[in-house]
Structures are given as C-alpha cells and as structure tokens.
Amino acid sequence: MKDYIEERAVEIADYIIENNATVRQTAKQFRISKSTVHIVVTKKNYL
C-alpha cells in the first residue's frame, strides 16, 4: 500500500512540475478533489 501512495504522490507532483499546473488543473486531470491534491503533495503520509 505504501508503494501505491508514494507512486501517486510522485505522479501528481511530476504533472504539476512538468505542466506548471495549478491545484485546480491537477485535480481536474486526475479526477480528484483540490484538497486531495494538496494533501498528496504536502503531507508525507507515505513515510
């Protein structure tokens, strides 16, 4: 389970960096809420 969470965090962070995307754009792309995007990229919940 930890691997999946870490992979998802990296995938979302990579998308934001590569596309200079906002939280709103990222949420739309991944079909998740804006708060989920924020949590995934700011919390170290996979360590």
PDB file of N, CA and C in Angstrom:
ATOM      1  N   MET A   1       0.817  -1.203   0.000  1.00  0.00           N
ATOM      2  CA  MET A   1       0.000   0.000   0.000  1.00  0.00           C
ATOM      3  C   MET A   1       0.861   1.268   0.000  1.00  0.00           C
ATOM      4  N   LYS A   2       1.932   1.263   0.748  1.00  0.00           N
ATOM      5  CA  LYS A   2       2.800   2.442   0.793  1.00  0.00           C
ATOM      6  C   LYS A   2       3.344   2.775  -0.591  1.00  0.00           C
ATOM      7  N   ASP A   3       3.701   1.739  -1.364  1.00  0.00           N
ATOM      8  CA  ASP A   3       4.242   1.974  -2.701  1.00  0.00           C
ATOM      9  C   ASP A   3       3.245   2.707  -3.577  1.00  0.00           C
ATOM     10  N   TYR A   4       1.977   2.302  -3.519  1.00  0.00           N
ATOM     11  CA  TYR A   4       0.948   2.946  -4.332  1.00  0.00           C
ATOM     12  C   TYR A   4       0.808   4.421  -3.961  1.00  0.00           C
ATOM     13  N   ILE A   5       0.804   4.711  -2.687  1.00  0.00           N
ATOM     14  CA  ILE A   5       0.638   6.089  -2.230  1.00  0.00           C
ATOM     15  C   ILE A   5       1.819   6.941  -2.677  1.00  0.00           C
ATOM     16  N   GLU A   6       3.003   6.403  -2.541  1.00  0.00           N
ATOM     17  CA  GLU A   6       4.195   7.138  -2.957  1.00  0.00           C
ATOM     18  C   GLU A   6       4.193   7.358  -4.470  1.00  0.00           C
ATOM     19  N   GLU A   7       3.844   6.331  -5.230  1.00  0.00           N
ATOM     20  CA  GLU A   7       3.799   6.462  -6.693  1.00  0.00           C
ATOM     21  C   GLU A   7       2.794   7.532  -7.109  1.00  0.00           C
ATOM     22  N   ARG A   8       1.646   7.548  -6.452  1.00  0.00           N
ATOM     23  CA  ARG A   8       0.618   8.535  -6.765  1.00  0.00           C
ATOM     24  C   ARG A   8       1.113   9.944  -6.451  1.00  0.00           C
ATOM     25  N   ALA A   9       1.777  10.111  -5.329  1.00  0.00           N
ATOM     26  CA  ALA A   9       2.300  11.430  -4.953  1.00  0.00           C
ATOM     27  C   ALA A   9       3.323  11.907  -5.974  1.00  0.00           C
ATOM     28  N   VAL A  10       4.196  11.025  -6.394  1.00  0.00           N
ATOM     29  CA  VAL A  10       5.224  11.380  -7.375  1.00  0.00           C
ATOM     30  C   VAL A  10       4.585  11.709  -8.720  1.00  0.00           C
ATOM     31  N   GLU A  11       3.606  10.916  -9.129  1.00  0.00           N
ATOM     32  CA  GLU A  11       2.924  11.147 -10.401  1.00  0.00           C
ATOM     33  C   GLU A  11       2.235  12.518 -10.416  1.00  0.00           C
ATOM     34  N   ILE A  12       1.555  12.838  -9.332  1.00  0.00           N
ATOM     35  CA  ILE A  12       0.869  14.123  -9.245  1.00  0.00           C
ATOM     36  C   ILE A  12       1.871  15.273  -9.202  1.00  0.00           C
ATOM     37  N   ALA A  13       2.912  15.135  -8.424  1.00  0.00           N
ATOM     38  CA  ALA A  13       3.933  16.184  -8.337  1.00  0.00           C
ATOM     39  C   ALA A  13       4.619  16.391  -9.685  1.00  0.00           C
ATOM     40  N   ASP A  14       4.939  15.305 -10.377  1.00  0.00           N
ATOM     41  CA  ASP A  14       5.549  15.408 -11.702  1.00  0.00           C
ATOM     42  C   ASP A  14       4.643  16.147 -12.672  1.00  0.00           C
ATOM     43  N   TYR A  15       3.356  15.849 -12.621  1.00  0.00           N
ATOM     44  CA  TYR A  15       2.399  16.525 -13.501  1.00  0.00           C
ATOM     45  C   TYR A  15       2.401  18.033 -13.227  1.00  0.00           C
ATOM     46  N   ILE A  16       2.372  18.391 -11.959  1.00  0.00           N
ATOM     47  CA  ILE A  16       2.353  19.810 -11.593  1.00  0.00           C
ATOM     48  C   ILE A  16       3.604  20.508 -12.102  1.00  0.00           C
ATOM     49  N   ILE A  17       4.749  19.888 -11.896  1.00  0.00           N
ATOM     50  CA  ILE A  17       6.023  20.497 -12.307  1.00  0.00           C
ATOM     51  C   ILE A  17       6.140  20.589 -13.824  1.00  0.00           C
ATOM     52  N   GLU A  18       5.867  19.489 -14.508  1.00  0.00           N
ATOM     53  CA  GLU A  18       6.045  19.442 -15.962  1.00  0.00           C
ATOM     54  C   GLU A  18       5.081  20.365 -16.698  1.00  0.00           C
ATOM     55  N   ASN A  19       3.890  20.545 -16.161  1.00  0.00           N
ATOM     56  CA  ASN A  19       2.875  21.345 -16.841  1.00  0.00           C
ATOM     57  C   ASN A  19       2.659  22.716 -16.205  1.00  0.00           C
ATOM     58  N   ASN A  20       3.444  23.013 -15.175  1.00  0.00           N
ATOM     59  CA  ASN A  20       3.274  24.258 -14.433  1.00  0.00           C
ATOM     60  C   ASN A  20       1.798  24.431 -14.070  1.00  0.00           C
ATOM     61  N   ALA A  21       1.195  23.348 -13.614  1.00  0.00           N
ATOM     62  CA  ALA A  21      -0.244  23.278 -13.382  1.00  0.00           C
ATOM     63  C   ALA A  21      -0.628  23.807 -12.005  1.00  0.00           C
ATOM     64  N   THR A  22      -1.835  24.304 -11.936  1.00  0.00           N
ATOM     65  CA  THR A  22      -2.403  24.729 -10.658  1.00  0.00           C
ATOM     66  C   THR A  22      -3.016  23.515  -9.966  1.00  0.00           C
ATOM     67  N   VAL A  23      -3.371  23.689  -8.711  1.00  0.00           N
ATOM     68  CA  VAL A  23      -4.044  22.620  -7.974  1.00  0.00           C
ATOM     69  C   VAL A  23      -5.364  22.285  -8.665  1.00  0.00           C
ATOM     70  N   ARG A  24      -6.078  23.291  -9.107  1.00  0.00           N
ATOM     71  CA  ARG A  24      -7.362  23.076  -9.784  1.00  0.00           C
ATOM     72  C   ARG A  24      -7.181  22.278 -11.079  1.00  0.00           C
ATOM     73  N   GLN A  25      -6.190  22.631 -11.879  1.00  0.00           N
ATOM     74  CA  GLN A  25      -5.928  21.902 -13.124  1.00  0.00           C
ATOM     75  C   GLN A  25      -5.528  20.455 -12.841  1.00  0.00           C
ATOM     76  N   THR A  26      -4.717  20.275 -11.828  1.00  0.00           N
ATOM     77  CA  THR A  26      -4.264  18.935 -11.459  1.00  0.00           C
ATOM     78  C   THR A  26      -5.423  18.082 -10.975  1.00  0.00           C
ATOM     79  N   ALA A  27      -6.271  18.658 -10.155  1.00  0.00           N
ATOM     80  CA  ALA A  27      -7.436  17.924  -9.655  1.00  0.00           C
ATOM     81  C   ALA A  27      -8.323  17.477 -10.811  1.00  0.00           C
ATOM     82  N   LYS A  28      -8.522  18.344 -11.753  1.00  0.00           N
ATOM     83  CA  LYS A  28      -9.351  18.002 -12.915  1.00  0.00           C
ATOM     84  C   LYS A  28      -8.715  16.889 -13.734  1.00  0.00           C
ATOM     85  N   GLN A  29      -7.418  16.971 -13.939  1.00  0.00           N
ATOM     86  CA  GLN A  29      -6.696  15.960 -14.732  1.00  0.00           C
ATOM     87  C   GLN A  29      -6.782  14.574 -14.089  1.00  0.00           C
ATOM     88  N   PHE A  30      -6.625  14.513 -12.773  1.00  0.00           N
ATOM     89  CA  PHE A  30      -6.601  13.230 -12.072  1.00  0.00           C
ATOM     90  C   PHE A  30      -7.976  12.828 -11.531  1.00  0.00           C
ATOM     91  N   ARG A  31      -8.975  13.690 -11.742  1.00  0.00           N
ATOM     92  CA  ARG A  31     -10.342  13.451 -11.273  1.00  0.00           C
ATOM     93  C   ARG A  31     -10.398  13.213  -9.762  1.00  0.00           C
ATOM     94  N   ILE A  32      -9.727  14.112  -9.054  1.00  0.00           N
ATOM     95  CA  ILE A  32      -9.740  14.095  -7.596  1.00  0.00           C
ATOM     96  C   ILE A  32     -10.036  15.516  -7.111  1.00  0.00           C
ATOM     97  N   SER A  33     -10.309  15.663  -5.832  1.00  0.00           N
ATOM     98  CA  SER A  33     -10.621  16.992  -5.317  1.00  0.00           C
ATOM     99  C   SER A  33      -9.349  17.829  -5.150  1.00  0.00           C
ATOM    100  N   LYS A  34      -9.544  19.136  -5.089  1.00  0.00           N
ATOM    101  CA  LYS A  34      -8.413  20.035  -4.877  1.00  0.00           C
ATOM    102  C   LYS A  34      -7.751  19.760  -3.527  1.00  0.00           C
ATOM    103  N   SER A  35      -8.557  19.457  -2.520  1.00  0.00           N
ATOM    104  CA  SER A  35      -7.985  19.181  -1.203  1.00  0.00           C
ATOM    105  C   SER A  35      -7.148  17.898  -1.228  1.00  0.00           C
ATOM    106  N   THR A  36      -7.561  16.934  -2.018  1.00  0.00           N
ATOM    107  CA  THR A  36      -6.778  15.705  -2.137  1.00  0.00           C
ATOM    108  C   THR A  36      -5.434  15.994  -2.787  1.00  0.00           C
ATOM    109  N   VAL A  37      -5.421  16.819  -3.819  1.00  0.00           N
ATOM    110  CA  VAL A  37      -4.156  17.209  -4.458  1.00  0.00           C
ATOM    111  C   VAL A  37      -3.247  17.845  -3.421  1.00  0.00           C
ATOM    112  N   HIS A  38      -3.779  18.771  -2.666  1.00  0.00           N
ATOM    113  CA  HIS A  38      -2.992  19.467  -1.646  1.00  0.00           C
ATOM    114  C   HIS A  38      -2.418  18.486  -0.625  1.00  0.00           C
ATOM    115  N   ILE A  39      -3.244  17.602  -0.141  1.00  0.00           N
ATOM    116  CA  ILE A  39      -2.801  16.622   0.858  1.00  0.00           C
ATOM    117  C   ILE A  39      -1.715  15.720   0.297  1.00  0.00           C
ATOM    118  N   VAL A  40      -1.922  15.234  -0.931  1.00  0.00           N
ATOM    119  CA  VAL A  40      -0.983  14.278  -1.528  1.00  0.00           C
ATOM    120  C   VAL A  40       0.400  14.913  -1.699  1.00  0.00           C
ATOM    121  N   VAL A  41       0.451  16.166  -2.121  1.00  0.00           N
ATOM    122  CA  VAL A  41       1.758  16.762  -2.399  1.00  0.00           C
ATOM    123  C   VAL A  41       2.398  17.458  -1.198  1.00  0.00           C
ATOM    124  N   THR A  42       1.643  17.664  -0.118  1.00  0.00           N
ATOM    125  CA  THR A  42       2.244  18.346   1.028  1.00  0.00           C
ATOM    126  C   THR A  42       2.495  17.439   2.226  1.00  0.00           C
ATOM    127  N   LYS A  43       1.733  16.402   2.378  1.00  0.00           N
ATOM    128  CA  LYS A  43       1.895  15.505   3.519  1.00  0.00           C
ATOM    129  C   LYS A  43       2.843  14.368   3.177  1.00  0.00           C
ATOM    130  N   LYS A  44       3.613  13.975   4.137  1.00  0.00           N
ATOM    131  CA  LYS A  44       4.491  12.836   3.941  1.00  0.00           C
ATOM    132  C   LYS A  44       3.821  11.600   4.525  1.00  0.00           C
ATOM    133  N   ASN A  45       2.606  11.332   4.027  1.00  0.00           N
ATOM    134  CA  ASN A  45       1.815  10.229   4.563  1.00  0.00           C
ATOM    135  C   ASN A  45       2.286   8.867   4.083  1.00  0.00           C
ATOM    136  N   TYR A  46       3.296   8.830   3.255  1.00  0.00           N
ATOM    137  CA  TYR A  46       3.785   7.561   2.743  1.00  0.00           C
ATOM    138  C   TYR A  46       5.079   7.132   3.407  1.00  0.00           C
ATOM    139  N   LEU A  47       5.553   7.900   4.373  1.00  0.00           N
ATOM    140  CA  LEU A  47       6.807   7.528   5.060  1.00  0.00           C
ATOM    141  C   LEU A  47       6.533   6.843   6.365  1.00  0.00           C
TER     142      LEU A  47
END
